[in-house]
Amino acid sequence: MQRGAMAPKGRKEWTSAKAESLEKARVWFGQRMRERREALNVTQADLARAVGVSRKTVNGIEYGHTSPSFPLYIAIVRALKAGKIPFVS
């Protein structure tokens, strides 16, 4: 592809759709995580200690600014006693 040439239209649209979908999933998980944490009367600091990360990391996940790694995701689900891994709403 020549410099300045555009990527094939289909690929660009797919990438954009995928990014939007991942963003929605990240925000959705963070919202559910916060709701569950608050329902259990657990602070961000307490959850952070339980899963081995900083409170800032927990906050970033809850507000959709960052995504947890898969091992951290599992640790959070277990710590919040979710009982199942909530991939979809």
N, C-alpha and C. Protein backbone atom coordinates (compact mmCIF):
# COMPACT_ATOMS: atom_id res chain seq x y z
N MET A 1 0.85 -1.17 0.00
CA MET A 1 0.00 0.00 0.00
C MET A 1 0.90 1.23 0.00
N GLN A 2 0.56 2.19 -0.80
CA GLN A 2 1.36 3.40 -0.90
C GLN A 2 1.16 4.28 0.33
N ARG A 3 2.17 5.07 0.60
CA ARG A 3 2.08 6.01 1.71
C ARG A 3 0.90 6.94 1.48
N GLY A 4 0.10 7.14 2.50
CA GLY A 4 -1.05 8.03 2.41
C GLY A 4 -2.30 7.35 1.87
N ALA A 5 -2.15 6.10 1.38
CA ALA A 5 -3.32 5.38 0.88
C ALA A 5 -4.17 4.92 2.05
N MET A 6 -5.44 4.82 1.83
CA MET A 6 -6.37 4.44 2.90
C MET A 6 -6.47 2.92 3.00
N ALA A 7 -6.73 2.42 4.19
CA ALA A 7 -6.95 0.99 4.41
C ALA A 7 -8.26 0.58 3.75
N PRO A 8 -8.40 -0.68 3.40
CA PRO A 8 -9.66 -1.14 2.82
C PRO A 8 -10.83 -0.79 3.74
N LYS A 9 -11.92 -0.35 3.15
CA LYS A 9 -13.05 0.16 3.91
C LYS A 9 -13.59 -0.85 4.92
N GLY A 10 -13.75 -2.08 4.53
CA GLY A 10 -14.30 -3.10 5.43
C GLY A 10 -13.48 -3.29 6.68
N ARG A 11 -12.17 -3.33 6.55
CA ARG A 11 -11.30 -3.54 7.71
C ARG A 11 -11.41 -2.39 8.69
N LYS A 12 -11.43 -1.17 8.20
CA LYS A 12 -11.51 0.00 9.07
C LYS A 12 -12.83 -0.01 9.84
N GLU A 13 -13.92 -0.32 9.18
CA GLU A 13 -15.22 -0.36 9.84
C GLU A 13 -15.24 -1.45 10.90
N TRP A 14 -14.68 -2.62 10.58
CA TRP A 14 -14.65 -3.72 11.54
C TRP A 14 -13.85 -3.34 12.77
N THR A 15 -12.70 -2.71 12.57
CA THR A 15 -11.86 -2.30 13.68
C THR A 15 -12.59 -1.29 14.55
N SER A 16 -13.29 -0.35 13.95
CA SER A 16 -14.04 0.65 14.70
C SER A 16 -15.17 0.00 15.49
N ALA A 17 -15.87 -0.93 14.87
CA ALA A 17 -16.97 -1.62 15.55
C ALA A 17 -16.44 -2.45 16.71
N LYS A 18 -15.31 -3.11 16.51
CA LYS A 18 -14.72 -3.92 17.57
C LYS A 18 -14.29 -3.05 18.74
N ALA A 19 -13.67 -1.92 18.46
CA ALA A 19 -13.23 -1.01 19.51
C ALA A 19 -14.42 -0.49 20.31
N GLU A 20 -15.50 -0.16 19.63
CA GLU A 20 -16.70 0.32 20.31
C GLU A 20 -17.30 -0.77 21.19
N SER A 21 -17.32 -1.98 20.69
CA SER A 21 -17.85 -3.11 21.46
C SER A 21 -17.01 -3.38 22.70
N LEU A 22 -15.69 -3.33 22.57
CA LEU A 22 -14.81 -3.54 23.71
C LEU A 22 -14.97 -2.44 24.75
N GLU A 23 -15.15 -1.22 24.28
CA GLU A 23 -15.38 -0.09 25.19
C GLU A 23 -16.65 -0.30 26.00
N LYS A 24 -17.72 -0.71 25.33
CA LYS A 24 -18.99 -0.96 26.02
C LYS A 24 -18.84 -2.08 27.05
N ALA A 25 -18.12 -3.13 26.70
CA ALA A 25 -17.91 -4.25 27.62
C ALA A 25 -17.12 -3.82 28.84
N ARG A 26 -16.09 -3.00 28.63
CA ARG A 26 -15.27 -2.51 29.74
C ARG A 26 -16.10 -1.66 30.70
N VAL A 27 -16.91 -0.77 30.16
CA VAL A 27 -17.76 0.09 30.98
C VAL A 27 -18.80 -0.75 31.71
N TRP A 28 -19.41 -1.71 30.99
CA TRP A 28 -20.43 -2.57 31.60
C TRP A 28 -19.86 -3.34 32.78
N PHE A 29 -18.70 -3.96 32.60
CA PHE A 29 -18.09 -4.73 33.69
C PHE A 29 -17.78 -3.83 34.87
N GLY A 30 -17.24 -2.65 34.62
CA GLY A 30 -16.92 -1.73 35.71
C GLY A 30 -18.14 -1.32 36.50
N GLN A 31 -19.25 -1.08 35.81
CA GLN A 31 -20.49 -0.70 36.50
C GLN A 31 -21.00 -1.85 37.36
N ARG A 32 -21.00 -3.07 36.81
CA ARG A 32 -21.47 -4.23 37.59
C ARG A 32 -20.56 -4.49 38.78
N MET A 33 -19.25 -4.31 38.59
CA MET A 33 -18.28 -4.51 39.65
C MET A 33 -18.55 -3.53 40.79
N ARG A 34 -18.76 -2.27 40.45
CA ARG A 34 -19.01 -1.26 41.48
C ARG A 34 -20.32 -1.53 42.22
N GLU A 35 -21.37 -1.88 41.48
CA GLU A 35 -22.66 -2.20 42.11
C GLU A 35 -22.52 -3.34 43.10
N ARG A 36 -21.83 -4.40 42.70
CA ARG A 36 -21.64 -5.56 43.57
C ARG A 36 -20.79 -5.20 44.79
N ARG A 37 -19.71 -4.45 44.57
CA ARG A 37 -18.84 -4.06 45.67
C ARG A 37 -19.60 -3.23 46.70
N GLU A 38 -20.40 -2.29 46.21
CA GLU A 38 -21.19 -1.45 47.12
C GLU A 38 -22.26 -2.25 47.84
N ALA A 39 -22.87 -3.21 47.15
CA ALA A 39 -23.90 -4.06 47.78
C ALA A 39 -23.31 -4.87 48.93
N LEU A 40 -22.04 -5.22 48.82
CA LEU A 40 -21.36 -5.98 49.87
C LEU A 40 -20.71 -5.08 50.92
N ASN A 41 -20.88 -3.76 50.77
CA ASN A 41 -20.25 -2.78 51.67
C ASN A 41 -18.74 -2.96 51.75
N VAL A 42 -18.12 -3.13 50.60
CA VAL A 42 -16.68 -3.29 50.50
C VAL A 42 -16.12 -2.01 49.87
N THR A 43 -15.06 -1.47 50.45
CA THR A 43 -14.45 -0.27 49.89
C THR A 43 -13.54 -0.65 48.72
N GLN A 44 -13.19 0.34 47.91
CA GLN A 44 -12.24 0.10 46.83
C GLN A 44 -10.91 -0.38 47.40
N ALA A 45 -10.49 0.21 48.51
CA ALA A 45 -9.22 -0.17 49.13
C ALA A 45 -9.25 -1.62 49.59
N ASP A 46 -10.37 -2.04 50.19
CA ASP A 46 -10.50 -3.43 50.65
C ASP A 46 -10.43 -4.40 49.47
N LEU A 47 -11.16 -4.08 48.40
CA LEU A 47 -11.14 -4.94 47.21
C LEU A 47 -9.74 -4.98 46.61
N ALA A 48 -9.09 -3.83 46.56
CA ALA A 48 -7.73 -3.77 46.00
C ALA A 48 -6.79 -4.67 46.78
N ARG A 49 -6.85 -4.62 48.11
CA ARG A 49 -6.01 -5.49 48.94
C ARG A 49 -6.33 -6.96 48.69
N ALA A 50 -7.61 -7.27 48.55
CA ALA A 50 -8.03 -8.67 48.37
C ALA A 50 -7.51 -9.26 47.06
N VAL A 51 -7.39 -8.44 46.02
CA VAL A 51 -6.98 -8.95 44.72
C VAL A 51 -5.53 -8.58 44.36
N GLY A 52 -4.86 -7.84 45.22
CA GLY A 52 -3.45 -7.54 45.03
C GLY A 52 -3.11 -6.44 44.05
N VAL A 53 -3.97 -5.41 44.00
CA VAL A 53 -3.69 -4.25 43.15
C VAL A 53 -3.89 -2.98 43.96
N SER A 54 -3.64 -1.84 43.35
CA SER A 54 -3.85 -0.57 44.04
C SER A 54 -5.32 -0.15 43.97
N ARG A 55 -5.71 0.74 44.87
CA ARG A 55 -7.06 1.28 44.85
C ARG A 55 -7.31 2.04 43.55
N LYS A 56 -6.26 2.69 43.05
CA LYS A 56 -6.36 3.43 41.79
C LYS A 56 -6.72 2.49 40.63
N THR A 57 -6.17 1.28 40.64
CA THR A 57 -6.50 0.30 39.60
C THR A 57 -7.96 -0.09 39.69
N VAL A 58 -8.46 -0.36 40.89
CA VAL A 58 -9.87 -0.71 41.08
C VAL A 58 -10.75 0.44 40.58
N ASN A 59 -10.40 1.65 40.93
CA ASN A 59 -11.16 2.82 40.49
C ASN A 59 -11.17 2.92 38.97
N GLY A 60 -10.03 2.72 38.34
CA GLY A 60 -9.93 2.79 36.89
C GLY A 60 -10.79 1.74 36.20
N ILE A 61 -10.86 0.56 36.76
CA ILE A 61 -11.71 -0.50 36.20
C ILE A 61 -13.17 -0.14 36.36
N GLU A 62 -13.55 0.34 37.55
CA GLU A 62 -14.95 0.69 37.80
C GLU A 62 -15.45 1.80 36.88
N TYR A 63 -14.60 2.73 36.55
CA TYR A 63 -15.01 3.84 35.70
C TYR A 63 -14.73 3.62 34.22
N GLY A 64 -14.29 2.41 33.88
CA GLY A 64 -14.09 2.06 32.48
C GLY A 64 -12.86 2.65 31.83
N HIS A 65 -11.91 3.11 32.64
CA HIS A 65 -10.69 3.70 32.09
C HIS A 65 -9.64 2.66 31.76
N THR A 66 -9.76 1.49 32.37
CA THR A 66 -8.80 0.42 32.16
C THR A 66 -9.51 -0.92 32.21
N SER A 67 -8.91 -1.91 31.60
CA SER A 67 -9.46 -3.26 31.60
C SER A 67 -8.58 -4.15 32.47
N PRO A 68 -9.20 -5.02 33.26
CA PRO A 68 -8.38 -5.94 34.05
C PRO A 68 -7.82 -7.05 33.17
N SER A 69 -6.66 -7.56 33.55
CA SER A 69 -6.14 -8.74 32.87
C SER A 69 -7.08 -9.90 33.21
N PHE A 70 -6.99 -10.99 32.48
CA PHE A 70 -7.90 -12.10 32.76
C PHE A 70 -7.71 -12.65 34.18
N PRO A 71 -6.46 -12.85 34.66
CA PRO A 71 -6.29 -13.32 36.04
C PRO A 71 -6.89 -12.34 37.07
N LEU A 72 -6.74 -11.04 36.82
CA LEU A 72 -7.31 -10.05 37.74
C LEU A 72 -8.83 -10.08 37.67
N TYR A 73 -9.37 -10.24 36.47
CA TYR A 73 -10.82 -10.36 36.29
C TYR A 73 -11.37 -11.51 37.14
N ILE A 74 -10.71 -12.66 37.06
CA ILE A 74 -11.15 -13.84 37.84
C ILE A 74 -11.04 -13.54 39.34
N ALA A 75 -9.96 -12.91 39.76
CA ALA A 75 -9.77 -12.58 41.18
C ALA A 75 -10.86 -11.64 41.67
N ILE A 76 -11.24 -10.66 40.86
CA ILE A 76 -12.29 -9.72 41.24
C ILE A 76 -13.63 -10.45 41.37
N VAL A 77 -13.95 -11.28 40.39
CA VAL A 77 -15.21 -12.03 40.42
C VAL A 77 -15.26 -12.90 41.68
N ARG A 78 -14.17 -13.57 41.99
CA ARG A 78 -14.12 -14.41 43.19
C ARG A 78 -14.23 -13.58 44.47
N ALA A 79 -13.51 -12.47 44.52
CA ALA A 79 -13.52 -11.62 45.71
C ALA A 79 -14.90 -11.05 45.98
N LEU A 80 -15.64 -10.76 44.91
CA LEU A 80 -16.98 -10.20 45.07
C LEU A 80 -18.05 -11.28 45.12
N LYS A 81 -17.62 -12.53 45.16
CA LYS A 81 -18.53 -13.66 45.29
C LYS A 81 -19.64 -13.63 44.25
N ALA A 82 -19.26 -13.32 43.04
CA ALA A 82 -20.28 -13.18 41.98
C ALA A 82 -20.90 -14.52 41.60
N GLY A 83 -20.21 -15.61 41.86
CA GLY A 83 -20.80 -16.92 41.59
C GLY A 83 -20.71 -17.36 40.15
N LYS A 84 -20.71 -16.44 39.24
CA LYS A 84 -20.54 -16.76 37.83
C LYS A 84 -19.76 -15.64 37.18
N ILE A 85 -19.17 -15.93 36.06
CA ILE A 85 -18.39 -14.91 35.36
C ILE A 85 -19.32 -14.20 34.40
N PRO A 86 -19.63 -12.92 34.67
CA PRO A 86 -20.61 -12.20 33.87
C PRO A 86 -20.04 -11.62 32.58
N PHE A 87 -20.02 -12.43 31.51
CA PHE A 87 -19.50 -11.92 30.25
C PHE A 87 -20.52 -11.08 29.51
N VAL A 88 -21.79 -11.36 29.64
CA VAL A 88 -22.83 -10.61 28.94
C VAL A 88 -23.94 -10.26 29.91
N SER A 89 -24.66 -9.19 29.57
CA SER A 89 -25.78 -8.78 30.44
C SER A 89 -27.03 -9.50 30.04
